[in-house]
Amino acid sequence: MDLIKNRRTIRKYKQEDVAATLLNELLEEAFRASTMGNMQLYSVVITREPEMKAKLAPTHFNQPMVKGAPVVLTFCADFNRFSKWCRCRKAEPGYDNFISFLNATSDALLVTQNFCTLAEAHGLGICYLGTTIYNPDKIIDILQLPELVMPVATITVGYPDECPAQPERLPLEGILHEEFYHDYTPEDIDRIYAEKEAMPENQHFVSINNKETLAQVFTDLRYKKADNEYMSGTLKETLKRQGFSE
């Protein structure tokens, strides 16, 4: 319990290798995650070579931990392997559709979280890169992912060389809903986000960006509508390219 409650995102790593035996053990254990129909609709690409990290870095907006971490893991939603098994066993698969992509994505993300928890329990640090679904087409080319395989999460892994402060989390009451969804009143929103908005670092973000509220930092700078629409288009086109066309 304390491990998860006290966890931190690590972006700086010691130049110390992560043994392949340890990494494989952690991944194998992570693969015990729940899975749709016991199909295990995921694959993991392990990147260790500096030149490959250098190729991946721009797809993650050149965040320094991509090159700095000893290991970069790309977790993929994968219906390629299962479909090939079907065809090799005289069964015709029907998994070139959006629901199949969502099933495989759910499988892959369950495994991703399992791995992250296990890695941290063994003294490793991790950073989850949400940029994976922003540039999936470029990642596909670099990692040579075949049809029906989509990158959905990237994790940098290594031994921590920092102990950063924990980012804030919303209070329990802001997330839990008993029996059915209770929509939020303006008063609820004020109460739920009060601590987040009062944090000095968040107030600093508002000030240096000449904004009136923290929400404006998100909507106007960090996750803009135009950017979201552009990346949504890229994701849709890449899904079609990878065979998830229906």
Protein backbone atom coordinates (compact mmCIF):
# COMPACT_ATOMS: atom_id res chain seq x y z
CA MET A 1 0.00 0.00 0.00
CA ASP A 2 2.74 2.49 1.00
CA LEU A 3 4.62 1.72 -2.23
CA ILE A 4 1.75 2.99 -4.37
CA LYS A 5 0.73 5.78 -2.02
CA ASN A 6 4.27 7.17 -1.94
CA ARG A 7 5.21 6.60 -5.58
CA ARG A 8 6.92 9.28 -7.68
CA THR A 9 7.48 9.75 -11.38
CA ILE A 10 11.20 9.47 -12.15
CA ARG A 11 12.70 11.42 -15.04
CA LYS A 12 16.41 11.24 -14.10
CA TYR A 13 18.18 7.89 -13.99
CA LYS A 14 21.55 6.57 -12.89
CA GLN A 15 23.75 5.30 -15.69
CA GLU A 16 23.29 1.78 -14.41
CA ASP A 17 22.01 -1.01 -16.60
CA VAL A 18 18.76 -2.81 -15.87
CA ALA A 19 19.59 -6.50 -16.18
CA ALA A 20 17.71 -8.33 -18.90
CA THR A 21 16.94 -11.15 -16.47
CA LEU A 22 15.27 -8.73 -14.04
CA LEU A 23 13.38 -6.93 -16.79
CA ASN A 24 12.10 -10.20 -18.27
CA GLU A 25 11.05 -11.46 -14.84
CA LEU A 26 9.08 -8.29 -14.18
CA LEU A 27 7.43 -8.39 -17.59
CA GLU A 28 6.55 -12.06 -17.27
CA GLU A 29 4.93 -11.37 -13.93
CA ALA A 30 3.13 -8.33 -15.38
CA PHE A 31 1.67 -10.58 -18.07
CA ARG A 32 -0.45 -12.23 -15.37
CA ALA A 33 -2.75 -9.20 -15.70
CA SER A 34 -6.39 -9.71 -16.55
CA THR A 35 -6.92 -10.07 -20.28
CA MET A 36 -9.87 -10.12 -22.68
CA GLY A 37 -10.86 -13.76 -23.29
CA ASN A 38 -7.40 -14.87 -22.14
CA MET A 39 -6.09 -13.71 -25.53
CA GLN A 40 -3.20 -11.52 -24.26
CA LEU A 41 -3.68 -8.84 -26.89
CA TYR A 42 -0.41 -6.98 -26.34
CA SER A 43 3.26 -6.92 -27.25
CA VAL A 44 6.16 -5.00 -25.72
CA VAL A 45 9.10 -3.56 -27.66
CA ILE A 46 12.25 -3.13 -25.55
CA THR A 47 14.60 -0.32 -26.59
CA ARG A 48 18.12 -0.18 -25.15
CA GLU A 49 20.35 0.98 -28.01
CA PRO A 50 21.21 4.71 -27.92
CA GLU A 51 20.59 5.16 -31.63
CA MET A 52 17.09 3.71 -31.33
CA LYS A 53 16.32 5.94 -28.35
CA ALA A 54 17.52 8.90 -30.41
CA LYS A 55 15.05 7.95 -33.14
CA LEU A 56 12.20 7.61 -30.64
CA ALA A 57 12.95 10.82 -28.75
CA PRO A 58 11.35 13.25 -31.27
CA THR A 59 8.13 11.22 -31.21
CA HIS A 60 7.96 12.00 -27.50
CA PHE A 61 8.70 15.71 -28.01
CA ASN A 62 12.37 15.12 -27.09
CA GLN A 63 11.66 14.63 -23.40
CA PRO A 64 15.16 13.97 -21.99
CA MET A 65 14.26 10.75 -20.14
CA VAL A 66 13.79 8.93 -23.45
CA LYS A 67 17.54 9.17 -24.13
CA GLY A 68 18.53 9.22 -20.46
CA ALA A 69 16.80 6.05 -19.29
CA PRO A 70 18.61 2.71 -19.66
CA VAL A 71 15.44 1.10 -21.02
CA VAL A 72 12.44 2.36 -22.95
CA LEU A 73 9.42 0.07 -23.22
CA THR A 74 6.69 0.55 -25.82
CA PHE A 75 3.52 -1.31 -24.95
CA CYS A 76 1.39 -2.15 -27.97
CA ALA A 77 -2.19 -3.22 -28.53
CA ASP A 78 -1.62 -6.32 -30.67
CA PHE A 79 -4.23 -8.31 -32.59
CA ASN A 80 -1.65 -9.36 -35.19
CA ARG A 81 -0.33 -12.38 -33.31
CA PHE A 82 -3.77 -13.69 -32.33
CA SER A 83 -5.13 -13.22 -35.86
CA LYS A 84 -2.22 -15.14 -37.33
CA TRP A 85 -2.81 -17.94 -34.83
CA CYS A 86 -6.44 -18.07 -35.93
CA ARG A 87 -5.50 -18.36 -39.60
CA CYS A 88 -2.89 -21.02 -38.87
CA ARG A 89 -5.63 -23.02 -37.15
CA LYS A 90 -8.26 -22.78 -39.93
CA ALA A 91 -10.20 -19.98 -38.23
CA GLU A 92 -10.99 -16.66 -39.88
CA PRO A 93 -10.41 -13.71 -37.50
CA GLY A 94 -12.66 -10.67 -37.49
CA TYR A 95 -10.58 -8.26 -35.46
CA ASP A 96 -9.92 -5.41 -37.91
CA ASN A 97 -12.38 -3.10 -36.16
CA PHE A 98 -12.53 -0.45 -33.47
CA ILE A 99 -13.92 -2.63 -30.68
CA SER A 100 -11.01 -5.02 -31.18
CA PHE A 101 -8.58 -2.12 -30.90
CA LEU A 102 -10.21 -1.06 -27.64
CA ASN A 103 -10.04 -4.61 -26.29
CA ALA A 104 -6.35 -4.86 -27.16
CA THR A 105 -5.68 -1.40 -25.72
CA SER A 106 -7.33 -2.37 -22.44
CA ASP A 107 -5.17 -5.51 -22.30
CA ALA A 108 -2.00 -3.53 -23.00
CA LEU A 109 -2.71 -0.84 -20.41
CA LEU A 110 -3.51 -3.39 -17.70
CA VAL A 111 -0.12 -4.98 -18.35
CA THR A 112 1.54 -1.57 -18.38
CA GLN A 113 0.25 -0.69 -14.93
CA ASN A 114 1.20 -4.11 -13.58
CA PHE A 115 4.73 -3.64 -14.85
CA CYS A 116 5.05 -0.15 -13.39
CA THR A 117 4.03 -1.31 -9.92
CA LEU A 118 6.33 -4.33 -10.05
CA ALA A 119 9.27 -2.27 -11.31
CA GLU A 120 8.90 0.25 -8.50
CA ALA A 121 8.65 -2.57 -5.95
CA HIS A 122 12.09 -3.74 -7.17
CA GLY A 123 13.71 -0.33 -6.71
CA LEU A 124 13.34 0.90 -10.29
CA GLY A 125 11.92 4.24 -11.31
CA ILE A 126 9.48 4.75 -14.17
CA CYS A 127 7.95 7.56 -16.19
CA TYR A 128 4.76 7.09 -18.18
CA LEU A 129 4.85 8.96 -21.51
CA GLY A 130 1.41 9.99 -22.66
CA THR A 131 2.91 11.21 -25.93
CA THR A 132 2.74 7.70 -27.43
CA ILE A 133 -0.73 8.22 -28.88
CA TYR A 134 0.20 11.69 -30.17
CA ASN A 135 2.69 10.36 -32.73
CA PRO A 136 1.73 6.71 -33.27
CA ASP A 137 2.49 6.78 -36.99
CA LYS A 138 6.13 7.73 -36.44
CA ILE A 139 6.58 5.18 -33.64
CA ILE A 140 5.12 2.49 -35.91
CA ASP A 141 7.70 3.28 -38.58
CA ILE A 142 10.64 3.31 -36.15
CA LEU A 143 9.66 0.08 -34.39
CA GLN A 144 8.43 -1.58 -37.62
CA LEU A 145 5.06 -2.50 -36.17
CA PRO A 146 2.94 -4.62 -38.54
CA GLU A 147 -0.78 -4.39 -39.26
CA LEU A 148 -3.11 -4.71 -36.26
CA VAL A 149 -0.39 -3.47 -33.87
CA MET A 150 -0.69 0.00 -32.30
CA PRO A 151 1.59 1.64 -29.71
CA VAL A 152 -0.50 2.79 -26.75
CA ALA A 153 1.96 3.47 -23.89
CA THR A 154 5.67 4.12 -23.38
CA ILE A 155 7.51 3.68 -20.08
CA THR A 156 11.06 4.80 -19.35
CA VAL A 157 12.79 2.55 -16.81
CA GLY A 158 15.94 2.78 -14.71
CA TYR A 159 17.39 3.22 -11.25
CA PRO A 160 16.33 6.63 -9.86
CA ASP A 161 18.81 9.48 -9.70
CA GLU A 162 16.34 11.85 -8.05
CA CYS A 163 13.58 11.91 -5.46
CA PRO A 164 11.13 14.51 -6.73
CA ALA A 165 8.15 15.84 -4.84
CA GLN A 166 4.90 14.01 -5.36
CA PRO A 167 2.39 15.71 -7.63
CA GLU A 168 -0.95 16.46 -6.04
CA ARG A 169 -4.03 14.26 -6.43
CA LEU A 170 -7.69 15.19 -6.20
CA PRO A 171 -9.48 14.23 -2.98
CA LEU A 172 -11.41 10.96 -2.88
CA GLU A 173 -14.77 12.72 -2.84
CA GLY A 174 -13.97 14.29 -6.21
CA ILE A 175 -13.68 10.94 -7.96
CA LEU A 176 -15.94 8.41 -6.23
CA HIS A 177 -19.65 8.13 -7.02
CA GLU A 178 -21.89 5.94 -4.85
CA GLU A 179 -24.41 3.81 -6.77
CA PHE A 180 -24.72 6.26 -9.69
CA TYR A 181 -22.89 9.26 -11.14
CA HIS A 182 -23.52 12.44 -9.18
CA ASP A 183 -22.77 15.41 -11.42
CA TYR A 184 -20.72 18.28 -10.04
CA THR A 185 -22.10 21.64 -8.96
CA PRO A 186 -19.91 24.75 -9.18
CA GLU A 187 -19.54 24.51 -5.40
CA ASP A 188 -18.31 20.91 -5.74
CA ILE A 189 -15.74 22.00 -8.31
CA ASP A 190 -14.50 24.79 -6.04
CA ARG A 191 -14.04 22.37 -3.16
CA ILE A 192 -12.50 19.51 -5.18
CA TYR A 193 -9.92 21.70 -6.95
CA ALA A 194 -9.14 24.06 -4.06
CA GLU A 195 -5.96 22.29 -2.93
CA LYS A 196 -4.67 21.85 -6.49
CA GLU A 197 -5.18 25.51 -7.31
CA ALA A 198 -3.62 26.67 -4.04
CA MET A 199 -0.32 24.84 -4.53
CA PRO A 200 2.55 27.35 -4.96
CA GLU A 201 3.93 25.63 -8.07
CA ASN A 202 0.52 25.75 -9.76
CA GLN A 203 0.04 29.39 -8.84
CA HIS A 204 3.51 29.97 -10.32
CA PHE A 205 2.41 28.34 -13.61
CA VAL A 206 -0.55 30.71 -13.75
CA SER A 207 1.62 33.73 -13.06
CA ILE A 208 4.46 33.05 -15.50
CA ASN A 209 1.99 32.27 -18.29
CA ASN A 210 -0.01 35.45 -17.66
CA LYS A 211 -3.23 33.52 -17.12
CA GLU A 212 -6.11 34.15 -14.78
CA THR A 213 -6.70 30.54 -13.71
CA LEU A 214 -4.89 27.20 -13.68
CA ALA A 215 -7.55 25.78 -15.98
CA GLN A 216 -6.51 28.30 -18.63
CA VAL A 217 -2.96 26.92 -18.50
CA PHE A 218 -4.40 23.56 -19.57
CA THR A 219 -6.88 24.80 -22.19
CA ASP A 220 -4.80 27.58 -23.71
CA LEU A 221 -1.26 26.19 -23.49
CA ARG A 222 -0.78 22.56 -22.48
CA TYR A 223 -3.66 20.73 -24.19
CA LYS A 224 -5.14 23.08 -26.77
CA LYS A 225 -8.25 22.29 -28.78
CA ALA A 226 -6.47 22.68 -32.12
CA ASP A 227 -3.68 20.32 -31.05
CA ASN A 228 -6.17 17.77 -29.74
CA GLU A 229 -8.11 17.82 -33.00
CA TYR A 230 -4.95 17.47 -35.08
CA MET A 231 -3.66 14.54 -33.05
CA SER A 232 -7.11 12.94 -33.07
CA GLY A 233 -7.00 13.02 -36.86
CA THR A 234 -3.53 11.46 -36.88
CA LEU A 235 -4.69 8.71 -34.53
CA LYS A 236 -7.75 7.91 -36.65
CA GLU A 237 -5.70 7.75 -39.83
CA THR A 238 -3.06 5.58 -38.17
CA LEU A 239 -5.72 3.16 -36.91
CA LYS A 240 -6.92 2.76 -40.49
CA ARG A 241 -3.38 2.29 -41.72
CA GLN A 242 -2.82 -0.46 -39.15
CA GLY A 243 -5.97 -2.28 -40.21
CA PHE A 244 -8.44 -1.18 -37.53
CA SER A 245 -10.65 0.34 -40.18
CA GLU A 246 -14.26 -0.42 -39.21
